[in-house]
Protein backbone atom coordinates (compact mmCIF):
# COMPACT_ATOMS: atom_id res chain seq x y z
CA MET A 1 -0.04 0.25 0.03
CA GLN A 2 1.28 3.33 -1.02
CA ALA A 3 1.66 6.51 1.43
CA ALA A 4 -0.22 9.25 1.07
CA GLY A 5 2.21 11.47 -1.15
CA LYS A 6 4.93 8.59 -1.10
CA SER A 7 5.82 7.43 -4.39
CA GLN A 8 6.69 3.58 -4.22
CA VAL A 9 9.52 1.31 -6.62
CA ALA A 10 9.38 -2.32 -6.87
CA PRO A 11 11.90 -4.70 -4.72
CA LEU A 12 13.32 -5.54 -8.25
CA ASN A 13 13.95 -2.43 -9.87
CA VAL A 14 16.62 -1.07 -7.30
CA ALA A 15 17.31 -3.23 -4.38
CA VAL A 16 18.47 -6.16 -7.00
CA ALA A 17 21.15 -4.55 -6.97
CA GLY A 18 22.16 -4.90 -3.32
CA VAL A 19 21.67 -8.49 -4.23
CA VAL A 20 23.22 -9.37 -7.45
CA GLY A 21 26.20 -6.72 -6.56
CA ARG A 22 29.45 -8.52 -7.70
CA ALA A 23 30.30 -11.61 -6.59
CA ASN A 24 33.53 -13.40 -5.26
CA SER A 25 32.95 -17.73 -6.12
CA LEU A 26 30.40 -19.06 -8.59
CA ARG A 27 28.03 -20.19 -6.34
CA ARG A 28 28.02 -17.00 -5.81
CA CYS A 29 27.59 -15.55 -9.29
CA VAL A 30 24.84 -18.42 -10.38
CA HIS A 31 22.43 -17.15 -7.16
CA ALA A 32 22.56 -13.55 -8.04
CA LYS A 33 21.71 -14.66 -11.75
CA ASP A 34 18.99 -17.54 -10.08
CA TYR A 35 17.66 -14.08 -7.93
CA PHE A 36 17.24 -11.83 -10.80
CA LEU A 37 15.29 -14.70 -13.03
CA ALA A 38 12.84 -15.45 -10.54
CA GLN A 39 12.03 -11.65 -9.78
CA VAL A 40 11.58 -11.29 -13.48
CA THR A 41 9.23 -14.72 -13.09
CA GLN A 42 7.35 -13.26 -10.41
CA ARG A 43 7.07 -9.93 -11.02
CA GLN A 44 5.33 -11.82 -14.39
CA THR A 45 2.58 -14.12 -12.76
CA GLU A 46 1.95 -11.24 -10.55
CA GLY A 47 0.23 -9.88 -13.41
CA ARG A 48 2.82 -6.83 -13.80
CA ASN A 49 3.94 -6.64 -17.66
CA ALA A 50 7.69 -7.27 -17.23
CA MET A 51 8.63 -8.59 -20.76
CA SER A 52 7.60 -4.54 -22.34
CA GLY A 53 10.92 -2.99 -19.69
CA VAL A 54 14.07 -1.09 -20.04
CA ILE A 55 16.85 -2.24 -17.41
CA LEU A 56 19.97 -0.88 -17.16
CA VAL A 57 22.86 -3.37 -16.26
CA THR A 58 25.99 -2.07 -14.79
CA GLY A 59 29.00 -3.57 -14.63
CA GLY A 60 27.21 -5.50 -18.24
CA SER A 61 28.93 -6.54 -20.70
CA ARG A 62 30.81 -9.58 -19.15
CA GLY A 63 30.74 -12.37 -16.11
CA VAL A 64 27.58 -11.63 -14.46
CA GLY A 65 26.48 -8.48 -15.77
CA GLY A 66 26.57 -10.31 -19.05
CA ALA A 67 24.68 -13.07 -18.26
CA ILE A 68 21.81 -10.73 -16.38
CA CYS A 69 21.68 -8.90 -19.55
CA ARG A 70 21.56 -11.98 -21.64
CA ALA A 71 18.41 -12.87 -19.67
CA ALA A 72 16.71 -9.74 -19.37
CA ALA A 73 16.95 -10.05 -23.23
CA ASN A 74 15.48 -13.27 -23.17
CA ARG A 75 12.34 -11.68 -20.91
CA GLY A 76 11.64 -8.74 -23.68
CA TYR A 77 13.01 -6.15 -21.65
CA LYS A 78 16.01 -3.55 -23.37
CA VAL A 79 19.04 -3.65 -21.75
CA GLY A 80 21.54 -1.06 -21.40
CA ILE A 81 24.61 -2.76 -20.88
CA ASN A 82 27.04 0.15 -18.85
CA PHE A 83 30.97 -0.42 -18.55
CA ARG A 84 34.09 1.12 -17.92
CA GLN A 85 36.64 -0.32 -19.60
CA SER A 86 35.64 -3.47 -21.81
CA GLU A 87 33.79 -1.53 -25.28
CA ARG A 88 34.69 -4.91 -27.69
CA LEU A 89 33.07 -7.31 -24.86
CA ALA A 90 29.78 -4.95 -24.60
CA ARG A 91 29.00 -3.82 -28.15
CA LEU A 92 29.04 -7.53 -28.90
CA LEU A 93 26.86 -8.58 -26.17
CA ALA A 94 24.23 -5.59 -27.83
CA ASP A 95 25.03 -7.35 -31.42
CA ALA A 96 24.53 -10.64 -29.96
CA ILE A 97 21.27 -9.50 -28.72
CA ARG A 98 19.82 -7.58 -32.15
CA ALA A 99 21.08 -10.63 -33.36
CA GLU A 100 18.66 -12.75 -31.18
CA GLY A 101 15.80 -9.90 -31.38
CA GLY A 102 16.27 -8.34 -28.66
CA THR A 103 16.96 -4.87 -28.53
CA ALA A 104 19.99 -3.23 -26.39
CA VAL A 105 22.56 -0.54 -26.41
CA ALA A 106 26.14 -0.18 -24.91
CA ILE A 107 26.90 2.16 -22.65
CA GLN A 108 30.24 3.69 -21.78
CA GLY A 109 30.44 5.05 -17.95
CA ASP A 110 32.71 4.73 -15.17
CA ILE A 111 29.47 4.60 -12.10
CA THR A 112 32.63 6.15 -9.43
CA ILE A 113 32.35 9.61 -11.52
CA GLU A 114 28.77 10.86 -10.46
CA GLN A 115 28.59 13.17 -14.51
CA ASP A 116 29.23 9.41 -15.70
CA ILE A 117 26.61 7.92 -14.45
CA ILE A 118 24.17 11.15 -15.13
CA ARG A 119 25.60 10.92 -19.49
CA VAL A 120 24.31 7.41 -19.16
CA PHE A 121 21.74 7.59 -17.35
CA SER A 122 20.26 10.39 -20.02
CA GLU A 123 22.11 7.75 -23.32
CA LEU A 124 19.77 4.98 -21.63
CA ASP A 125 16.36 8.22 -21.31
CA GLY A 126 17.47 8.76 -25.35
CA SER A 127 18.17 5.44 -26.98
CA LEU A 128 15.89 2.62 -25.19
CA GLY A 129 13.66 5.15 -23.17
CA ARG A 130 12.73 5.28 -19.17
CA ILE A 131 14.15 2.80 -16.96
CA THR A 132 11.98 -0.02 -15.24
CA ALA A 133 14.37 -1.88 -13.71
CA LEU A 134 18.44 -1.46 -12.17
CA VAL A 135 21.61 -4.10 -11.32
CA ASN A 136 24.19 -2.41 -9.57
CA ASN A 137 26.61 -5.27 -10.55
CA ALA A 138 29.46 -3.25 -11.39
CA GLY A 139 31.97 -3.78 -8.30
CA GLY A 140 35.25 -5.23 -7.15
CA GLY A 141 37.81 -5.27 -4.25
CA ILE A 142 41.20 -3.92 -3.30
CA GLY A 143 42.87 -6.68 -4.86
CA SER A 144 44.91 -9.38 -3.41
CA GLY A 145 46.97 -8.30 -0.93
CA PRO A 146 46.58 -8.78 2.95
CA ILE A 147 43.77 -6.24 4.37
CA HIS A 148 46.31 -4.92 7.76
CA GLN A 149 48.06 -3.52 4.37
CA ALA A 150 44.96 -1.88 2.15
CA SER A 151 45.67 2.22 1.44
CA ILE A 152 43.40 4.60 2.20
CA PRO A 153 43.06 5.74 -1.21
CA ALA A 154 42.39 2.15 -2.06
CA LEU A 155 39.84 2.29 -0.06
CA GLN A 156 37.85 4.42 -1.14
CA ALA A 157 37.87 3.20 -4.06
CA VAL A 158 37.18 1.06 -3.65
CA MET A 159 33.47 2.26 -1.92
CA ALA A 160 33.01 4.72 -4.44
CA LEU A 161 33.01 1.13 -6.82
CA ASN A 162 30.74 -0.95 -4.59
CA LEU A 163 28.38 1.78 -2.09
CA ILE A 164 28.74 5.16 -3.38
CA GLY A 165 28.73 4.87 -7.18
CA PRO A 166 24.88 1.77 -6.89
CA ILE A 167 23.53 4.75 -4.22
CA LEU A 168 23.84 7.30 -7.13
CA CYS A 169 22.30 4.50 -9.96
CA ALA A 170 19.95 4.29 -7.57
CA ARG A 171 18.97 8.08 -7.28
CA GLU A 172 19.27 8.64 -10.92
CA ALA A 173 16.44 5.25 -11.53
CA VAL A 174 13.71 6.71 -8.96
CA LYS A 175 14.44 10.15 -10.62
CA ARG A 176 12.67 7.65 -13.40
CA MET A 177 10.61 5.47 -11.81
CA SER A 178 8.76 6.90 -8.75
CA THR A 179 5.16 7.11 -9.53
CA SER A 180 5.91 11.21 -8.37
CA GLU A 181 8.35 11.55 -11.10
CA GLY A 182 5.78 10.05 -14.29
CA GLY A 183 7.67 6.69 -13.74
CA LEU A 184 5.30 3.60 -13.32
CA GLY A 185 6.35 3.16 -9.70
CA ALA A 186 6.61 -1.47 -10.26
C-alpha cells in the first residue's frame, strides 16, 4: 500500500542490485542470476508487465552482468549494457542480443564518477526510453593483498565503486521510476 504523497518503486527495480553485486565465487554468481530470474518470473506471475521494460545493468559487458543482460533480453527487456573499459565485449553482447531479436545498447560510463552516471542514464533515456529496472552489478575489491596493508586511497576507490556509485545509480533510476516523477513505480 502506498502512503499518501509517497512514491514506491518495486523492490526488483532498485534493490536487486544489493543482492546481485559483484560476486567472489561461482556459487554466488549463479545465485545472483537465479535471484534476478526468479524476481522477473514473480513479477510476470503477479500480472506486472516485465516484458516491456528497460533495464540498465552496470558492469554488464561480461560475467554475471553479461548473463543478466542476456536473461533480461530473453524476457523482453530492452537492455542497457553499462561498461567502463570493456567496450569490445559490451558491443559484442549488444550485437548478440540484437541478433536474437532483442534490443540492446552499450553505454560507456564509470560509476565512480557522478557525471558519468548522469550521462549513462541520459543516454539510456534517449536510446531505449524510461528505465524500469536497475541492476547494480559493477563492483570490485581492494586487490589481492592483505587487508592490513590496504591504503586509504584503495579503500576509498572500493567505497566509490561498491557503495557510492550504486547509490547514485539508484538515485538516477528512482528519479525516472518514481510515480511522483512520472514513472510507473513498479
